[in-house]
Protein backbone atom coordinates (compact mmCIF):
# COMPACT_ATOMS: atom_id res chain seq x y z
CA MET A 1 19.86 23.44 -1.49
CA LEU A 2 23.49 24.39 -2.55
CA PRO A 3 23.61 27.34 -4.97
CA LYS A 4 23.89 26.34 -8.78
CA ILE A 5 27.74 27.21 -8.51
CA ALA A 6 28.16 25.45 -5.83
CA LEU A 7 26.25 22.21 -7.16
CA SER A 8 28.68 22.16 -10.43
CA LEU A 9 31.39 22.85 -8.28
CA LEU A 10 30.56 19.50 -6.51
CA LEU A 11 29.85 17.57 -9.88
CA LEU A 12 33.06 18.74 -11.17
CA SER A 13 35.29 17.21 -8.30
CA LEU A 14 33.28 14.06 -8.23
CA ALA A 15 33.47 13.03 -11.88
CA LEU A 16 37.15 14.29 -11.43
CA ALA A 17 37.82 11.51 -8.51
CA SER A 18 36.02 9.09 -10.73
CA THR A 19 38.75 9.63 -13.51
CA ALA A 20 41.43 9.69 -11.12
CA ALA A 21 39.91 6.29 -9.14
CA PHE A 22 39.09 4.46 -11.78
CA ALA A 23 40.89 5.58 -15.09
CA SER A 24 44.48 4.32 -14.05
CA GLY A 25 46.16 6.92 -16.48
CA GLU A 26 43.83 6.45 -19.29
CA GLU A 27 40.74 8.96 -20.11
CA PHE A 28 37.26 8.08 -19.68
CA PHE A 29 34.54 10.08 -21.04
CA THR A 30 31.15 10.54 -18.74
CA TYR A 31 27.30 11.53 -19.87
CA HIS A 32 24.07 10.83 -19.58
CA ASP A 33 22.33 9.36 -22.12
CA LYS A 34 18.62 9.60 -23.32
CA SER A 35 17.72 7.33 -19.72
CA GLY A 36 19.26 9.87 -17.73
CA ALA A 37 21.92 7.11 -16.80
CA GLN A 38 25.03 8.36 -16.25
CA VAL A 39 27.76 6.57 -18.43
CA PHE A 40 31.67 5.43 -18.07
CA THR A 41 33.33 4.78 -21.09
CA ASN A 42 37.24 4.96 -22.21
CA ILE A 43 35.79 5.58 -25.56
CA ALA A 44 34.75 8.64 -27.07
CA PRO A 45 30.58 8.48 -27.44
CA VAL A 46 29.35 9.44 -31.13
CA SER A 47 26.86 11.22 -29.28
CA ALA A 48 25.28 11.16 -25.80
CA GLU A 49 21.58 10.37 -27.38
CA ASN A 50 22.91 7.78 -29.65
CA SER A 51 25.56 5.73 -27.88
CA ALA A 52 25.35 2.76 -25.15
CA HIS A 53 27.24 2.00 -22.43
CA TYR A 54 30.72 1.20 -22.74
CA THR A 55 33.05 -0.98 -20.58
CA PRO A 56 36.87 -1.48 -21.77
CA PRO A 57 37.82 -4.82 -22.48
CA PHE A 58 38.70 -7.93 -20.24
CA ALA A 59 41.94 -6.67 -19.44
CA ASP A 60 40.93 -3.34 -18.17
CA ASN A 61 37.37 -5.11 -16.63
CA GLU A 62 39.44 -6.71 -13.27
CA ARG A 63 41.16 -3.06 -13.02
CA ILE A 64 38.00 -0.55 -12.72
CA SER A 65 35.76 -2.81 -11.25
CA ALA A 66 35.13 -0.80 -8.38
CA LEU A 67 32.98 1.15 -10.78
CA GLY A 68 29.88 -0.93 -9.83
CA ASN A 69 27.07 0.64 -9.63
CA ALA A 70 28.11 3.65 -11.70
CA ILE A 71 27.39 0.92 -14.69
CA ASN A 72 24.07 -0.10 -14.67
CA ARG A 73 24.51 -4.36 -15.40
CA PRO A 74 21.40 -6.27 -15.68
CA ASP A 75 20.86 -9.17 -13.81
CA SER A 76 22.49 -12.36 -14.66
CA ARG A 77 19.80 -14.11 -14.68
CA ASN A 78 17.75 -12.19 -17.00
CA PHE A 79 19.80 -14.45 -19.72
CA ASP A 80 19.88 -17.63 -18.22
CA PRO A 81 17.15 -18.69 -20.28
CA ILE A 82 18.77 -17.79 -23.89
CA ILE A 83 22.20 -19.25 -22.17
CA LYS A 84 20.36 -22.65 -21.57
CA LYS A 85 18.64 -23.10 -24.81
CA TYR A 86 21.74 -22.42 -27.23
CA ALA A 87 24.60 -24.35 -24.18
CA SER A 88 21.84 -27.36 -24.91
CA TYR A 89 21.43 -27.31 -28.62
CA TYR A 90 25.29 -27.04 -28.64
CA GLU A 91 26.15 -29.68 -26.17
CA LEU A 92 27.83 -27.19 -24.09
CA ASP A 93 27.54 -26.46 -20.11
CA PRO A 94 25.46 -23.32 -19.44
CA SER A 95 27.78 -22.63 -16.20
CA LEU A 96 30.80 -22.64 -18.73
CA ILE A 97 28.66 -20.12 -21.14
CA GLN A 98 27.75 -18.15 -17.98
CA SER A 99 31.47 -17.87 -16.70
CA ILE A 100 32.86 -16.62 -20.58
CA ILE A 101 29.88 -14.04 -20.63
CA GLU A 102 30.93 -12.57 -17.14
CA THR A 103 34.23 -12.37 -17.94
CA GLU A 104 33.69 -11.33 -21.27
CA SER A 105 31.01 -8.36 -20.51
CA GLY A 106 29.87 -8.81 -16.99
CA PHE A 107 26.85 -9.41 -18.30
CA ASN A 108 26.38 -6.05 -19.63
CA PRO A 109 24.58 -6.27 -22.74
CA ASN A 110 25.13 -3.31 -24.53
CA ALA A 111 29.55 -3.69 -23.69
CA VAL A 112 31.73 -2.52 -26.66
CA SER A 113 35.69 -3.21 -26.08
CA SER A 114 38.70 -1.01 -27.17
CA LYS A 115 39.20 -3.37 -30.17
CA GLY A 116 35.60 -3.21 -31.04
CA ALA A 117 34.21 -6.32 -29.66
CA ARG A 118 30.48 -6.29 -28.63
CA GLY A 119 27.71 -7.38 -26.47
CA LEU A 120 27.80 -10.06 -23.53
CA MET A 121 30.23 -12.44 -25.59
CA GLN A 122 31.80 -9.63 -26.83
CA LEU A 123 31.91 -10.95 -30.86
CA MET A 124 33.85 -9.09 -33.36
CA PRO A 125 32.03 -7.48 -35.96
CA GLU A 126 33.73 -9.85 -38.37
CA THR A 127 32.94 -12.86 -36.51
CA ALA A 128 29.13 -11.51 -35.84
CA ARG A 129 28.72 -10.94 -39.81
CA ARG A 130 30.25 -14.45 -40.66
CA LEU A 131 27.71 -16.20 -38.08
CA GLY A 132 24.78 -14.45 -39.49
CA VAL A 133 24.50 -11.23 -36.64
CA GLU A 134 22.56 -8.45 -37.40
CA ASN A 135 22.57 -6.71 -34.21
CA SER A 136 25.49 -7.70 -31.80
CA PHE A 137 23.39 -5.48 -29.15
CA ASP A 138 20.57 -7.99 -29.30
CA PRO A 139 21.17 -10.68 -26.52
CA GLU A 140 19.79 -13.63 -28.06
CA GLN A 141 21.93 -13.53 -31.66
CA ASN A 142 24.88 -12.59 -29.73
CA ILE A 143 24.40 -16.00 -27.04
CA LYS A 144 23.52 -17.32 -30.29
CA ALA A 145 26.31 -16.84 -31.80
CA GLY A 146 28.88 -16.63 -29.15
CA VAL A 147 27.97 -20.25 -28.33
CA ARG A 148 28.10 -21.80 -31.85
CA HIS A 149 31.56 -19.87 -31.75
CA PHE A 150 32.76 -21.25 -28.99
CA ARG A 151 31.44 -24.84 -29.96
CA SER A 152 33.14 -24.88 -32.94
CA LEU A 153 36.72 -24.02 -31.12
CA MET A 154 35.63 -26.77 -28.99
CA ASP A 155 35.75 -29.38 -31.94
CA MET A 156 38.57 -27.42 -33.40
CA PHE A 157 40.84 -28.53 -30.38
CA ASP A 158 39.18 -31.91 -29.10
CA ASN A 159 37.39 -30.32 -26.57
CA ASN A 160 40.22 -28.96 -24.74
CA LEU A 161 38.68 -26.23 -22.99
CA ASP A 162 42.22 -24.06 -21.77
CA LEU A 163 43.06 -23.84 -26.07
CA SER A 164 39.40 -23.36 -26.87
CA LEU A 165 39.14 -20.61 -24.08
CA ALA A 166 42.69 -19.25 -25.66
CA ALA A 167 41.43 -18.98 -29.05
CA TYR A 168 38.21 -17.44 -28.11
CA ASN A 169 39.99 -14.65 -26.62
CA ALA A 170 43.36 -14.62 -29.20
CA GLY A 171 42.15 -16.19 -32.21
CA GLU A 172 41.87 -19.62 -33.47
CA ASN A 173 44.55 -19.09 -36.08
CA LEU A 174 47.55 -18.09 -33.69
CA VAL A 175 46.20 -20.81 -31.15
CA ARG A 176 46.63 -23.61 -34.10
CA ARG A 177 49.72 -22.60 -34.56
CA LEU A 178 51.40 -22.06 -31.58
CA GLY A 179 49.60 -25.17 -30.31
CA ARG A 180 48.79 -24.13 -26.71
CA ILE A 181 48.09 -20.73 -24.78
CA PRO A 182 50.33 -18.09 -25.83
CA GLY A 183 52.37 -15.72 -23.92
CA TYR A 184 50.26 -12.81 -23.56
CA GLU A 185 49.30 -11.99 -19.92
CA GLU A 186 45.50 -11.09 -21.06
CA THR A 187 44.71 -14.25 -22.90
CA ILE A 188 46.52 -16.30 -19.63
CA ASN A 189 44.25 -14.01 -17.07
CA TYR A 190 41.72 -14.68 -19.10
CA VAL A 191 41.56 -18.69 -19.49
CA ARG A 192 42.26 -18.62 -15.69
CA SER A 193 39.34 -16.37 -14.86
CA VAL A 194 36.87 -18.42 -17.49
CA THR A 195 38.46 -21.57 -15.54
CA ARG A 196 37.99 -19.78 -12.25
CA ARG A 197 34.49 -19.21 -12.68
CA TYR A 198 33.37 -22.28 -14.27
CA ARG A 199 35.15 -24.52 -11.40
CA GLU A 200 32.81 -22.21 -8.58
CA ARG A 201 29.40 -22.13 -10.33
CA ARG A 202 29.96 -26.22 -10.88
CA GLU A 203 30.82 -26.54 -7.59
CA ASN A 204 27.84 -23.95 -6.40
CA VAL A 205 25.19 -26.51 -8.82
CA GLN A 206 26.71 -29.40 -7.05
CA VAL A 207 26.09 -28.28 -3.89
CA GLN A 208 22.41 -27.53 -5.13
CA GLU A 209 21.99 -30.91 -6.05
CA ASN A 210 23.39 -32.71 -3.12
CA ARG A 211 20.86 -30.22 -1.02
CA THR A 212 18.44 -32.40 0.98
CA TYR A 213 15.00 -30.72 2.00
CA ARG A 214 13.28 -31.84 5.02
CA TYR A 215 9.42 -30.45 4.88
CA VAL A 216 5.81 -31.61 6.54
CA ASP A 217 3.03 -31.91 3.92
CA ALA A 218 -0.73 -31.18 4.51
CA ALA A 219 -1.08 -34.57 5.39
CA GLY A 220 1.55 -34.66 7.94
CA VAL A 221 3.94 -36.75 5.79
CA LEU A 222 7.14 -36.16 6.20
CA HIS A 223 9.02 -35.37 2.82
CA LEU A 224 13.18 -35.89 2.08
CA THR A 225 14.03 -33.99 -0.98
CA ASN A 226 16.72 -33.06 -3.40
CA ILE A 227 13.77 -30.56 -5.10
CA PRO A 228 12.75 -27.87 -3.14
CA PRO A 229 9.53 -27.53 -2.69
CA ALA A 230 7.00 -25.48 -3.57
CA ARG A 231 6.42 -22.15 -1.59
């Protein structure tokens, strides 16, 4: 076992190395929450006991993606039933909503941006209040409101996906006034990121739908089907 002083120096070195590697010149905070998980954040926590995990806004996500396992992100599949329920209700493709959530928060339900956007779909407090959200960190409330909001944007921009995504990121008033995607690098990259992920998800769904499964049942009958056999 390392002496206490050596262990302290080792932990300090690791913390400094993490900050140098991931912060890219920005100040980051690290602490252990009440469950014992280590948290990295660029937002000063109110208190280590009450603070949630934080992630920077979209513009910073790509830059610190190497944090990887340093932030405990849940499996995205945990939210699929909620996503499919509200995507179906508001007549949107679940793959699109998954792509938005992945870009917005990386499927972290406790994400908070430097601008104050919260939860899986990064709802601003004003938007959350307008949509009747009581707790933006509750996955169902957040997804329901986020999908409803995006549906309204699609209606506003005549189902133009690029403009709707730009409005989700930069605000509908600005996009409506310009009639195009604003020239902000963050917004341009945001639209590109969501549409790329959406395209990849749709291609994967298409591959799954076109896959043929071949098996012989207990009676010796050969089956060819696009539905995976029960195991």
